[in-house]
Amino acid sequence: MFQNRESFDGFAIDIWACGVILFAMTMGVPAFDRPIDSDPRFIAVKNGQLLKMVRNWGLVMSDSLGDLIQKMLMVNPNQRICLKDIIQHEWFSGPIDEPPPPPPTN
């Protein structure tokens, strides 16, 4: 929606927003500052490297959570996961992940 010049799918935008919120809630930091190509973290997400980026930060994220959030943050709304598929996703319907350990204090 930030750079969109055409009509938009409100449901797909809601999925995007939920992906941004889910990332922040589970990781304690935002995935990126702004969805623009000058933000290297956004580029990582855009290129399907969300899980690799998180692990490079030294944070713990399960494969299933990374897969779900990556699918929620697909830049092209036509490729973004839909609500029905979210509800059926392994992370949403599978066993509960253990919370990650607290980050080390320096």
N, C-alpha and C. Protein backbone atom coordinates (compact mmCIF):
# COMPACT_ATOMS: atom_id res chain seq x y z
N MET A 1 0.82 -1.17 0.00
CA MET A 1 0.00 0.00 0.00
C MET A 1 0.87 1.25 0.00
N PHE A 2 2.05 1.16 0.60
CA PHE A 2 2.96 2.30 0.71
C PHE A 2 3.33 2.86 -0.66
N GLN A 3 3.62 1.99 -1.62
CA GLN A 3 4.04 2.43 -2.95
C GLN A 3 3.01 2.08 -4.02
N ASN A 4 1.87 1.58 -3.64
CA ASN A 4 0.88 1.10 -4.61
C ASN A 4 0.26 2.25 -5.38
N ARG A 5 0.13 2.07 -6.69
CA ARG A 5 -0.50 3.08 -7.55
C ARG A 5 -1.80 2.54 -8.15
N GLU A 6 -2.19 1.33 -7.81
CA GLU A 6 -3.37 0.68 -8.36
C GLU A 6 -4.34 0.37 -7.22
N SER A 7 -5.52 -0.14 -7.58
CA SER A 7 -6.45 -0.56 -6.55
C SER A 7 -5.81 -1.67 -5.72
N PHE A 8 -6.31 -1.87 -4.51
CA PHE A 8 -5.67 -2.83 -3.62
C PHE A 8 -6.69 -3.77 -3.01
N ASP A 9 -6.17 -4.89 -2.52
CA ASP A 9 -6.96 -5.91 -1.85
C ASP A 9 -6.82 -5.68 -0.34
N GLY A 10 -7.88 -5.21 0.29
CA GLY A 10 -7.82 -4.92 1.72
C GLY A 10 -7.47 -6.12 2.57
N PHE A 11 -7.93 -7.31 2.17
CA PHE A 11 -7.61 -8.53 2.93
C PHE A 11 -6.11 -8.81 2.88
N ALA A 12 -5.51 -8.64 1.69
CA ALA A 12 -4.07 -8.87 1.56
C ALA A 12 -3.28 -7.84 2.38
N ILE A 13 -3.77 -6.62 2.45
CA ILE A 13 -3.11 -5.60 3.26
C ILE A 13 -3.19 -5.97 4.74
N ASP A 14 -4.34 -6.49 5.17
CA ASP A 14 -4.48 -6.92 6.56
C ASP A 14 -3.52 -8.06 6.88
N ILE A 15 -3.33 -8.98 5.95
CA ILE A 15 -2.38 -10.08 6.16
C ILE A 15 -0.97 -9.52 6.30
N TRP A 16 -0.61 -8.56 5.45
CA TRP A 16 0.70 -7.91 5.55
C TRP A 16 0.87 -7.29 6.94
N ALA A 17 -0.13 -6.52 7.37
CA ALA A 17 -0.05 -5.85 8.67
C ALA A 17 0.08 -6.87 9.80
N CYS A 18 -0.65 -7.96 9.72
CA CYS A 18 -0.56 -9.01 10.74
C CYS A 18 0.82 -9.65 10.73
N GLY A 19 1.42 -9.80 9.56
CA GLY A 19 2.78 -10.34 9.47
C GLY A 19 3.79 -9.42 10.14
N VAL A 20 3.64 -8.12 9.92
CA VAL A 20 4.52 -7.13 10.55
C VAL A 20 4.37 -7.21 12.07
N ILE A 21 3.13 -7.28 12.54
CA ILE A 21 2.86 -7.34 13.98
C ILE A 21 3.34 -8.66 14.57
N LEU A 22 3.09 -9.78 13.89
CA LEU A 22 3.53 -11.08 14.39
C LEU A 22 5.04 -11.13 14.52
N PHE A 23 5.74 -10.58 13.55
CA PHE A 23 7.20 -10.53 13.63
C PHE A 23 7.63 -9.74 14.87
N ALA A 24 7.08 -8.55 15.05
CA ALA A 24 7.47 -7.70 16.18
C ALA A 24 7.13 -8.36 17.51
N MET A 25 5.97 -9.02 17.57
CA MET A 25 5.56 -9.67 18.82
C MET A 25 6.47 -10.85 19.18
N THR A 26 6.90 -11.59 18.19
CA THR A 26 7.70 -12.79 18.46
C THR A 26 9.19 -12.51 18.55
N MET A 27 9.66 -11.47 17.88
CA MET A 27 11.10 -11.19 17.87
C MET A 27 11.48 -10.01 18.76
N GLY A 28 10.51 -9.16 19.09
CA GLY A 28 10.79 -8.02 19.96
C GLY A 28 11.37 -6.83 19.24
N VAL A 29 11.50 -6.92 17.93
CA VAL A 29 12.01 -5.82 17.10
C VAL A 29 11.25 -5.84 15.78
N PRO A 30 11.19 -4.73 15.07
CA PRO A 30 10.53 -4.75 13.76
C PRO A 30 11.41 -5.45 12.73
N ALA A 31 10.77 -6.04 11.74
CA ALA A 31 11.52 -6.71 10.67
C ALA A 31 12.29 -5.71 9.82
N PHE A 32 11.70 -4.54 9.61
CA PHE A 32 12.32 -3.48 8.81
C PHE A 32 11.72 -2.16 9.24
N ASP A 33 12.41 -1.07 8.86
CA ASP A 33 11.90 0.26 9.21
C ASP A 33 10.79 0.70 8.26
N ARG A 34 11.05 0.60 6.97
CA ARG A 34 10.07 0.99 5.96
C ARG A 34 10.16 0.01 4.79
N PRO A 35 9.04 -0.26 4.14
CA PRO A 35 9.08 -1.19 3.00
C PRO A 35 9.56 -0.49 1.73
N ILE A 36 10.84 -0.10 1.74
CA ILE A 36 11.44 0.55 0.59
C ILE A 36 12.78 -0.11 0.28
N ASP A 37 13.19 -0.01 -0.96
CA ASP A 37 14.39 -0.71 -1.41
C ASP A 37 15.69 -0.16 -0.83
N SER A 38 15.65 0.97 -0.15
CA SER A 38 16.86 1.46 0.50
C SER A 38 17.03 0.88 1.91
N ASP A 39 16.06 0.10 2.38
CA ASP A 39 16.15 -0.55 3.69
C ASP A 39 16.66 -1.97 3.48
N PRO A 40 17.91 -2.26 3.88
CA PRO A 40 18.47 -3.59 3.61
C PRO A 40 17.68 -4.73 4.28
N ARG A 41 17.05 -4.45 5.41
CA ARG A 41 16.26 -5.50 6.06
C ARG A 41 15.00 -5.79 5.24
N PHE A 42 14.40 -4.76 4.65
CA PHE A 42 13.25 -4.99 3.78
C PHE A 42 13.67 -5.79 2.56
N ILE A 43 14.83 -5.49 2.01
CA ILE A 43 15.32 -6.23 0.84
C ILE A 43 15.48 -7.70 1.20
N ALA A 44 15.99 -8.01 2.39
CA ALA A 44 16.14 -9.40 2.82
C ALA A 44 14.78 -10.09 2.86
N VAL A 45 13.79 -9.43 3.43
CA VAL A 45 12.44 -10.01 3.49
C VAL A 45 11.89 -10.17 2.08
N LYS A 46 12.03 -9.13 1.28
CA LYS A 46 11.54 -9.14 -0.11
C LYS A 46 12.14 -10.30 -0.91
N ASN A 47 13.40 -10.63 -0.62
CA ASN A 47 14.10 -11.69 -1.34
C ASN A 47 13.94 -13.07 -0.70
N GLY A 48 13.02 -13.19 0.27
CA GLY A 48 12.76 -14.48 0.88
C GLY A 48 13.79 -14.92 1.89
N GLN A 49 14.53 -13.98 2.45
CA GLN A 49 15.62 -14.30 3.38
C GLN A 49 15.31 -13.92 4.83
N LEU A 50 14.02 -13.84 5.18
CA LEU A 50 13.63 -13.42 6.52
C LEU A 50 14.26 -14.29 7.60
N LEU A 51 14.15 -15.59 7.48
CA LEU A 51 14.67 -16.49 8.51
C LEU A 51 16.19 -16.38 8.62
N LYS A 52 16.86 -16.29 7.50
CA LYS A 52 18.33 -16.13 7.50
C LYS A 52 18.71 -14.81 8.18
N MET A 53 17.97 -13.74 7.88
CA MET A 53 18.24 -12.44 8.48
C MET A 53 18.11 -12.51 10.01
N VAL A 54 17.02 -13.11 10.48
CA VAL A 54 16.78 -13.23 11.92
C VAL A 54 17.89 -14.02 12.59
N ARG A 55 18.26 -15.11 11.99
CA ARG A 55 19.32 -15.94 12.58
C ARG A 55 20.68 -15.24 12.55
N ASN A 56 20.91 -14.40 11.53
CA ASN A 56 22.14 -13.61 11.49
C ASN A 56 22.18 -12.58 12.62
N TRP A 57 21.00 -12.17 13.10
CA TRP A 57 20.93 -11.26 14.24
C TRP A 57 21.18 -11.99 15.55
N GLY A 58 21.27 -13.32 15.51
CA GLY A 58 21.46 -14.10 16.72
C GLY A 58 20.17 -14.39 17.46
N LEU A 59 19.03 -14.18 16.80
CA LEU A 59 17.73 -14.47 17.40
C LEU A 59 17.26 -15.86 17.01
N VAL A 60 16.36 -16.41 17.80
CA VAL A 60 15.83 -17.74 17.55
C VAL A 60 14.43 -17.61 16.95
N MET A 61 14.23 -18.26 15.81
CA MET A 61 12.91 -18.31 15.17
C MET A 61 12.77 -19.70 14.58
N SER A 62 11.66 -20.34 14.87
CA SER A 62 11.44 -21.68 14.31
C SER A 62 11.25 -21.60 12.80
N ASP A 63 11.56 -22.70 12.13
CA ASP A 63 11.37 -22.75 10.68
C ASP A 63 9.92 -22.49 10.31
N SER A 64 8.98 -23.05 11.10
CA SER A 64 7.56 -22.88 10.76
C SER A 64 7.11 -21.44 10.94
N LEU A 65 7.56 -20.77 11.98
CA LEU A 65 7.21 -19.36 12.15
C LEU A 65 7.83 -18.52 11.04
N GLY A 66 9.08 -18.77 10.73
CA GLY A 66 9.74 -18.03 9.64
C GLY A 66 9.02 -18.21 8.33
N ASP A 67 8.58 -19.43 8.05
CA ASP A 67 7.85 -19.71 6.81
C ASP A 67 6.54 -18.94 6.78
N LEU A 68 5.80 -18.95 7.88
CA LEU A 68 4.52 -18.26 7.93
C LEU A 68 4.70 -16.76 7.74
N ILE A 69 5.60 -16.15 8.49
CA ILE A 69 5.79 -14.70 8.38
C ILE A 69 6.29 -14.33 6.99
N GLN A 70 7.20 -15.13 6.45
CA GLN A 70 7.69 -14.84 5.09
C GLN A 70 6.53 -14.84 4.10
N LYS A 71 5.63 -15.79 4.23
CA LYS A 71 4.48 -15.86 3.32
C LYS A 71 3.50 -14.71 3.55
N MET A 72 3.43 -14.21 4.77
CA MET A 72 2.56 -13.07 5.07
C MET A 72 3.16 -11.77 4.55
N LEU A 73 4.48 -11.72 4.41
CA LEU A 73 5.16 -10.51 3.97
C LEU A 73 5.62 -10.57 2.51
N MET A 74 4.95 -11.38 1.72
CA MET A 74 5.24 -11.37 0.29
C MET A 74 4.86 -10.00 -0.26
N VAL A 75 5.77 -9.38 -0.99
CA VAL A 75 5.53 -8.03 -1.51
C VAL A 75 4.37 -8.03 -2.49
N ASN A 76 4.32 -9.02 -3.36
CA ASN A 76 3.23 -9.11 -4.32
C ASN A 76 2.00 -9.66 -3.60
N PRO A 77 0.93 -8.88 -3.46
CA PRO A 77 -0.25 -9.36 -2.73
C PRO A 77 -0.89 -10.59 -3.36
N ASN A 78 -0.68 -10.81 -4.64
CA ASN A 78 -1.22 -12.01 -5.30
C ASN A 78 -0.48 -13.27 -4.89
N GLN A 79 0.72 -13.12 -4.34
CA GLN A 79 1.51 -14.26 -3.88
C GLN A 79 1.41 -14.44 -2.37
N ARG A 80 0.80 -13.51 -1.68
CA ARG A 80 0.70 -13.53 -0.22
C ARG A 80 -0.26 -14.62 0.23
N ILE A 81 0.06 -15.24 1.33
CA ILE A 81 -0.78 -16.29 1.91
C ILE A 81 -2.15 -15.70 2.29
N CYS A 82 -3.18 -16.50 2.19
CA CYS A 82 -4.53 -16.04 2.55
C CYS A 82 -4.87 -16.54 3.96
N LEU A 83 -5.94 -15.99 4.53
CA LEU A 83 -6.33 -16.34 5.89
C LEU A 83 -6.60 -17.83 6.06
N LYS A 84 -7.27 -18.44 5.11
CA LYS A 84 -7.56 -19.87 5.18
C LYS A 84 -6.26 -20.67 5.29
N ASP A 85 -5.26 -20.28 4.50
CA ASP A 85 -3.98 -21.00 4.54
C ASP A 85 -3.19 -20.69 5.81
N ILE A 86 -3.37 -19.51 6.37
CA ILE A 86 -2.72 -19.18 7.64
C ILE A 86 -3.26 -20.09 8.74
N ILE A 87 -4.57 -20.22 8.79
CA ILE A 87 -5.21 -21.04 9.82
C ILE A 87 -4.76 -22.50 9.70
N GLN A 88 -4.48 -22.95 8.50
CA GLN A 88 -4.05 -24.33 8.28
C GLN A 88 -2.53 -24.48 8.33
N HIS A 89 -1.80 -23.38 8.48
CA HIS A 89 -0.33 -23.44 8.49
C HIS A 89 0.16 -24.20 9.72
N GLU A 90 1.25 -24.89 9.55
CA GLU A 90 1.84 -25.70 10.62
C GLU A 90 2.09 -24.88 11.90
N TRP A 91 2.60 -23.66 11.78
CA TRP A 91 2.90 -22.89 12.98
C TRP A 91 1.62 -22.50 13.72
N PHE A 92 0.60 -22.15 12.98
CA PHE A 92 -0.65 -21.71 13.59
C PHE A 92 -1.40 -22.87 14.22
N SER A 93 -1.37 -24.03 13.59
CA SER A 93 -2.19 -25.15 14.06
C SER A 93 -1.37 -26.27 14.69
N GLY A 94 -0.06 -26.18 14.64
CA GLY A 94 0.79 -27.25 15.14
C GLY A 94 1.11 -27.09 16.61
N PRO A 95 2.09 -27.84 17.08
CA PRO A 95 2.48 -27.73 18.49
C PRO A 95 3.03 -26.35 18.80
N ILE A 96 2.88 -25.94 20.02
CA ILE A 96 3.34 -24.61 20.45
C ILE A 96 4.86 -24.62 20.56
N ASP A 97 5.49 -23.62 19.92
CA ASP A 97 6.94 -23.47 20.01
C ASP A 97 7.31 -22.99 21.41
N GLU A 98 8.43 -23.46 21.89
CA GLU A 98 8.93 -22.95 23.15
C GLU A 98 9.41 -21.52 22.94
N PRO A 99 9.21 -20.64 23.91
CA PRO A 99 9.68 -19.26 23.72
C PRO A 99 11.20 -19.24 23.64
N PRO A 100 11.73 -18.34 22.84
CA PRO A 100 13.19 -18.26 22.72
C PRO A 100 13.81 -17.79 24.03
N PRO A 101 15.07 -18.13 24.26
CA PRO A 101 15.73 -17.63 25.46
C PRO A 101 15.89 -16.12 25.36
N PRO A 102 15.99 -15.45 26.49
CA PRO A 102 16.18 -13.98 26.42
C PRO A 102 17.51 -13.66 25.75
N PRO A 103 17.58 -12.52 25.08
CA PRO A 103 18.85 -12.14 24.42
C PRO A 103 19.94 -11.92 25.46
N PRO A 104 21.18 -12.17 25.08
CA PRO A 104 22.27 -11.95 26.04
C PRO A 104 22.41 -10.46 26.36
N THR A 105 22.77 -10.17 27.58
CA THR A 105 22.99 -8.79 27.97
C THR A 105 24.47 -8.48 27.84
N ASN A 106 24.74 -7.32 27.34
CA ASN A 106 26.16 -6.92 27.16
C ASN A 106 26.49 -5.79 28.08
